[in-house]
Amino acid sequence: MIARFQRQRSEEVSVYGGFEYKLNSKIFVAIDDNQFQFLAGKDMAWTKNTGEDIAVIKAILNSATIKIRGDSAIGNFAIDEYSLQGITKAYARMREICK
């Protein structure tokens, strides 16, 4: 998910796993040849800083798929793959609405 904060004029990337992540674990995000590690907190994960948010957004806008691997609190893991088809149009619309 990409959230835009109007007051700060900044954007934040996060991942919702649908399950509780292992405490203090890293979530691995692969976008083409780009690899990122997000920090897990309960059932959400975020980038480490604003600079990484920008890099992830650029990679997302120029790619076709994203893969996310996270360890669960109960000891198993999930690897999810999502199509990024339509993300450029949705991102442009979000920026238009949230000026």
N, C-alpha and C. Protein backbone atom coordinates (compact mmCIF):
# COMPACT_ATOMS: atom_id res chain seq x y z
N MET A 1 0.85 -1.16 0.00
CA MET A 1 0.00 0.00 0.00
C MET A 1 0.90 1.23 0.00
N ILE A 2 0.49 2.24 -0.74
CA ILE A 2 1.18 3.52 -0.73
C ILE A 2 0.21 4.54 -0.14
N ALA A 3 0.60 5.15 0.96
CA ALA A 3 -0.21 6.18 1.61
C ALA A 3 0.46 7.53 1.39
N ARG A 4 -0.35 8.54 1.16
CA ARG A 4 0.18 9.91 0.97
C ARG A 4 -0.32 10.77 2.11
N PHE A 5 0.61 11.49 2.74
CA PHE A 5 0.30 12.39 3.83
C PHE A 5 0.39 13.82 3.32
N GLN A 6 -0.75 14.48 3.24
CA GLN A 6 -0.82 15.80 2.62
C GLN A 6 0.01 16.84 3.35
N ARG A 7 -0.08 16.90 4.65
CA ARG A 7 0.65 17.94 5.40
C ARG A 7 2.15 17.85 5.20
N GLN A 8 2.68 16.64 5.25
CA GLN A 8 4.12 16.45 5.09
C GLN A 8 4.55 16.37 3.63
N ARG A 9 3.56 16.24 2.75
CA ARG A 9 3.85 16.03 1.32
C ARG A 9 4.78 14.83 1.14
N SER A 10 4.48 13.76 1.88
CA SER A 10 5.31 12.57 1.80
C SER A 10 4.43 11.35 1.55
N GLU A 11 5.08 10.28 1.16
CA GLU A 11 4.39 9.02 0.90
C GLU A 11 5.09 7.91 1.66
N GLU A 12 4.31 6.93 2.08
CA GLU A 12 4.83 5.83 2.88
C GLU A 12 4.35 4.51 2.28
N VAL A 13 5.24 3.56 2.20
CA VAL A 13 4.92 2.24 1.68
C VAL A 13 4.78 1.28 2.85
N SER A 14 3.76 0.45 2.81
CA SER A 14 3.58 -0.57 3.84
C SER A 14 3.02 -1.85 3.22
N VAL A 15 3.12 -2.91 3.99
CA VAL A 15 2.61 -4.21 3.58
C VAL A 15 1.71 -4.72 4.69
N TYR A 16 0.53 -5.20 4.33
CA TYR A 16 -0.38 -5.85 5.27
C TYR A 16 -0.35 -7.34 4.97
N GLY A 17 0.05 -8.13 5.94
CA GLY A 17 0.23 -9.55 5.70
C GLY A 17 -1.02 -10.40 5.80
N GLY A 18 -2.02 -9.93 6.54
CA GLY A 18 -3.20 -10.75 6.75
C GLY A 18 -3.01 -11.74 7.89
N PHE A 19 -1.85 -11.71 8.53
CA PHE A 19 -1.54 -12.53 9.69
C PHE A 19 -0.50 -11.77 10.51
N GLU A 20 -0.30 -12.19 11.75
CA GLU A 20 0.68 -11.52 12.60
C GLU A 20 2.08 -12.01 12.25
N TYR A 21 2.97 -11.06 12.01
CA TYR A 21 4.36 -11.39 11.69
C TYR A 21 5.13 -11.78 12.95
N LYS A 22 6.20 -12.52 12.75
CA LYS A 22 7.11 -12.87 13.83
C LYS A 22 7.67 -11.58 14.42
N LEU A 23 7.73 -11.50 15.74
CA LEU A 23 8.21 -10.32 16.45
C LEU A 23 9.63 -9.96 16.01
N ASN A 24 9.83 -8.71 15.66
CA ASN A 24 11.13 -8.17 15.24
C ASN A 24 11.70 -8.80 13.98
N SER A 25 10.85 -9.36 13.14
CA SER A 25 11.34 -9.98 11.91
C SER A 25 11.41 -8.96 10.77
N LYS A 26 12.06 -9.38 9.71
CA LYS A 26 12.15 -8.57 8.50
C LYS A 26 11.27 -9.21 7.44
N ILE A 27 10.62 -8.36 6.66
CA ILE A 27 9.79 -8.81 5.55
C ILE A 27 10.58 -8.53 4.28
N PHE A 28 10.74 -9.54 3.45
CA PHE A 28 11.54 -9.40 2.24
C PHE A 28 10.65 -9.07 1.06
N VAL A 29 11.00 -8.01 0.35
CA VAL A 29 10.21 -7.53 -0.78
C VAL A 29 11.11 -7.52 -2.01
N ALA A 30 10.68 -8.22 -3.05
CA ALA A 30 11.43 -8.28 -4.31
C ALA A 30 10.58 -7.66 -5.41
N ILE A 31 11.17 -6.66 -6.05
CA ILE A 31 10.53 -5.99 -7.18
C ILE A 31 11.54 -6.04 -8.32
N ASP A 32 11.32 -6.93 -9.26
CA ASP A 32 12.29 -7.23 -10.31
C ASP A 32 13.63 -7.55 -9.64
N ASP A 33 14.70 -6.82 -9.99
CA ASP A 33 16.03 -7.08 -9.42
C ASP A 33 16.27 -6.32 -8.12
N ASN A 34 15.30 -5.55 -7.68
CA ASN A 34 15.45 -4.76 -6.46
C ASN A 34 14.98 -5.57 -5.25
N GLN A 35 15.78 -5.57 -4.20
CA GLN A 35 15.46 -6.28 -2.97
C GLN A 35 15.37 -5.26 -1.83
N PHE A 36 14.32 -5.38 -1.02
CA PHE A 36 14.12 -4.48 0.11
C PHE A 36 13.77 -5.31 1.34
N GLN A 37 14.09 -4.78 2.51
CA GLN A 37 13.71 -5.41 3.77
C GLN A 37 12.86 -4.41 4.54
N PHE A 38 11.63 -4.82 4.85
CA PHE A 38 10.73 -3.99 5.64
C PHE A 38 10.80 -4.48 7.09
N LEU A 39 10.44 -3.61 8.00
CA LEU A 39 10.42 -3.96 9.42
C LEU A 39 9.00 -4.33 9.83
N ALA A 40 8.84 -5.50 10.44
CA ALA A 40 7.52 -6.00 10.80
C ALA A 40 7.06 -5.45 12.15
N GLY A 41 5.77 -5.22 12.22
CA GLY A 41 5.11 -4.83 13.47
C GLY A 41 3.71 -5.39 13.46
N LYS A 42 3.46 -6.39 14.27
CA LYS A 42 2.18 -7.10 14.29
C LYS A 42 1.84 -7.63 12.90
N ASP A 43 0.78 -7.10 12.23
CA ASP A 43 0.39 -7.61 10.91
C ASP A 43 0.74 -6.64 9.78
N MET A 44 1.58 -5.64 10.08
CA MET A 44 2.00 -4.65 9.07
C MET A 44 3.53 -4.59 9.03
N ALA A 45 4.05 -4.11 7.92
CA ALA A 45 5.50 -3.91 7.79
C ALA A 45 5.73 -2.63 7.00
N TRP A 46 6.82 -1.93 7.35
CA TRP A 46 7.14 -0.65 6.71
C TRP A 46 8.60 -0.61 6.31
N THR A 47 8.90 0.31 5.41
CA THR A 47 10.29 0.55 5.05
C THR A 47 11.01 1.17 6.25
N LYS A 48 12.33 1.26 6.15
CA LYS A 48 13.12 1.79 7.26
C LYS A 48 13.11 3.32 7.33
N ASN A 49 12.93 3.96 6.17
CA ASN A 49 13.00 5.43 6.15
C ASN A 49 12.36 5.98 4.88
N THR A 50 12.26 7.30 4.82
CA THR A 50 11.62 7.97 3.68
C THR A 50 12.38 7.71 2.38
N GLY A 51 13.69 7.67 2.44
CA GLY A 51 14.48 7.39 1.25
C GLY A 51 14.17 6.04 0.64
N GLU A 52 13.96 5.07 1.50
CA GLU A 52 13.60 3.73 1.01
C GLU A 52 12.18 3.72 0.45
N ASP A 53 11.27 4.50 1.07
CA ASP A 53 9.91 4.62 0.52
C ASP A 53 9.98 5.09 -0.93
N ILE A 54 10.79 6.10 -1.18
CA ILE A 54 10.93 6.66 -2.53
C ILE A 54 11.48 5.60 -3.49
N ALA A 55 12.50 4.86 -3.05
CA ALA A 55 13.09 3.82 -3.91
C ALA A 55 12.09 2.72 -4.22
N VAL A 56 11.31 2.31 -3.22
CA VAL A 56 10.30 1.26 -3.43
C VAL A 56 9.23 1.74 -4.40
N ILE A 57 8.76 2.97 -4.22
CA ILE A 57 7.74 3.51 -5.11
C ILE A 57 8.25 3.56 -6.55
N LYS A 58 9.47 4.03 -6.75
CA LYS A 58 10.04 4.06 -8.10
C LYS A 58 10.10 2.66 -8.71
N ALA A 59 10.52 1.69 -7.92
CA ALA A 59 10.60 0.32 -8.42
C ALA A 59 9.22 -0.23 -8.76
N ILE A 60 8.25 0.05 -7.90
CA ILE A 60 6.88 -0.42 -8.13
C ILE A 60 6.32 0.15 -9.43
N LEU A 61 6.56 1.43 -9.66
CA LEU A 61 6.00 2.09 -10.84
C LEU A 61 6.62 1.61 -12.14
N ASN A 62 7.77 0.94 -12.05
CA ASN A 62 8.46 0.49 -13.25
C ASN A 62 8.54 -1.03 -13.35
N SER A 63 7.66 -1.72 -12.66
CA SER A 63 7.73 -3.18 -12.63
C SER A 63 6.36 -3.80 -12.89
N ALA A 64 6.38 -5.10 -13.14
CA ALA A 64 5.14 -5.82 -13.42
C ALA A 64 4.63 -6.61 -12.24
N THR A 65 5.54 -7.07 -11.36
CA THR A 65 5.13 -7.87 -10.20
C THR A 65 5.95 -7.51 -8.97
N ILE A 66 5.39 -7.85 -7.82
CA ILE A 66 6.08 -7.69 -6.54
C ILE A 66 5.89 -8.98 -5.77
N LYS A 67 6.96 -9.45 -5.10
CA LYS A 67 6.90 -10.64 -4.27
C LYS A 67 7.26 -10.24 -2.84
N ILE A 68 6.50 -10.77 -1.89
CA ILE A 68 6.68 -10.43 -0.49
C ILE A 68 6.76 -11.73 0.31
N ARG A 69 7.82 -11.83 1.13
CA ARG A 69 7.98 -13.01 2.00
C ARG A 69 8.03 -12.56 3.45
N GLY A 70 7.18 -13.16 4.27
CA GLY A 70 7.15 -12.82 5.68
C GLY A 70 7.00 -14.04 6.55
N ASP A 71 7.67 -14.03 7.71
CA ASP A 71 7.56 -15.11 8.68
C ASP A 71 6.43 -14.79 9.65
N SER A 72 5.62 -15.79 9.95
CA SER A 72 4.48 -15.57 10.84
C SER A 72 4.87 -15.77 12.30
N ALA A 73 4.04 -15.26 13.18
CA ALA A 73 4.26 -15.39 14.62
C ALA A 73 4.16 -16.84 15.09
N ILE A 74 3.50 -17.70 14.30
CA ILE A 74 3.34 -19.09 14.72
C ILE A 74 4.37 -20.03 14.09
N GLY A 75 5.33 -19.48 13.35
CA GLY A 75 6.44 -20.29 12.87
C GLY A 75 6.44 -20.69 11.41
N ASN A 76 5.41 -20.36 10.65
CA ASN A 76 5.46 -20.66 9.22
C ASN A 76 5.72 -19.35 8.45
N PHE A 77 5.69 -19.41 7.14
CA PHE A 77 5.93 -18.21 6.35
C PHE A 77 5.02 -18.21 5.13
N ALA A 78 4.92 -17.05 4.52
CA ALA A 78 4.12 -16.91 3.30
C ALA A 78 4.93 -16.13 2.28
N ILE A 79 4.76 -16.52 1.04
CA ILE A 79 5.33 -15.77 -0.08
C ILE A 79 4.15 -15.40 -0.96
N ASP A 80 3.92 -14.10 -1.09
CA ASP A 80 2.83 -13.60 -1.90
C ASP A 80 3.38 -12.88 -3.12
N GLU A 81 2.71 -13.04 -4.25
CA GLU A 81 3.10 -12.34 -5.47
C GLU A 81 1.89 -11.58 -5.98
N TYR A 82 2.12 -10.31 -6.31
CA TYR A 82 1.04 -9.45 -6.76
C TYR A 82 1.39 -8.81 -8.11
N SER A 83 0.40 -8.68 -8.94
CA SER A 83 0.55 -7.96 -10.20
C SER A 83 0.54 -6.47 -9.89
N LEU A 84 1.36 -5.74 -10.60
CA LEU A 84 1.39 -4.28 -10.46
C LEU A 84 0.71 -3.60 -11.65
N GLN A 85 -0.04 -4.38 -12.41
CA GLN A 85 -0.77 -3.83 -13.54
C GLN A 85 -1.76 -2.79 -13.04
N GLY A 86 -1.71 -1.61 -13.57
CA GLY A 86 -2.62 -0.54 -13.19
C GLY A 86 -2.11 0.35 -12.06
N ILE A 87 -0.97 -0.01 -11.47
CA ILE A 87 -0.46 0.77 -10.34
C ILE A 87 -0.07 2.19 -10.74
N THR A 88 0.47 2.37 -11.92
CA THR A 88 0.88 3.71 -12.35
C THR A 88 -0.32 4.63 -12.45
N LYS A 89 -1.41 4.14 -13.01
CA LYS A 89 -2.63 4.94 -13.13
C LYS A 89 -3.23 5.23 -11.75
N ALA A 90 -3.27 4.23 -10.88
CA ALA A 90 -3.81 4.41 -9.53
C ALA A 90 -2.95 5.39 -8.73
N TYR A 91 -1.64 5.29 -8.87
CA TYR A 91 -0.72 6.19 -8.16
C TYR A 91 -0.92 7.63 -8.64
N ALA A 92 -1.03 7.82 -9.94
CA ALA A 92 -1.25 9.17 -10.49
C ALA A 92 -2.57 9.74 -9.98
N ARG A 93 -3.60 8.91 -9.91
CA ARG A 93 -4.90 9.37 -9.42
C ARG A 93 -4.83 9.75 -7.94
N MET A 94 -4.12 8.95 -7.14
CA MET A 94 -3.96 9.27 -5.73
C MET A 94 -3.26 10.62 -5.56
N ARG A 95 -2.22 10.85 -6.33
CA ARG A 95 -1.49 12.12 -6.23
C ARG A 95 -2.35 13.29 -6.69
N GLU A 96 -3.22 13.04 -7.65
CA GLU A 96 -4.14 14.08 -8.13
C GLU A 96 -5.15 14.45 -7.04
N ILE A 97 -5.71 13.43 -6.41
CA ILE A 97 -6.72 13.66 -5.37
C ILE A 97 -6.09 14.24 -4.10
N CYS A 98 -4.93 13.77 -3.76
CA CYS A 98 -4.26 14.16 -2.49
C CYS A 98 -3.15 15.18 -2.75
N LYS A 99 -3.48 16.29 -3.34
CA LYS A 99 -2.48 17.30 -3.65
C LYS A 99 -2.00 18.00 -2.41
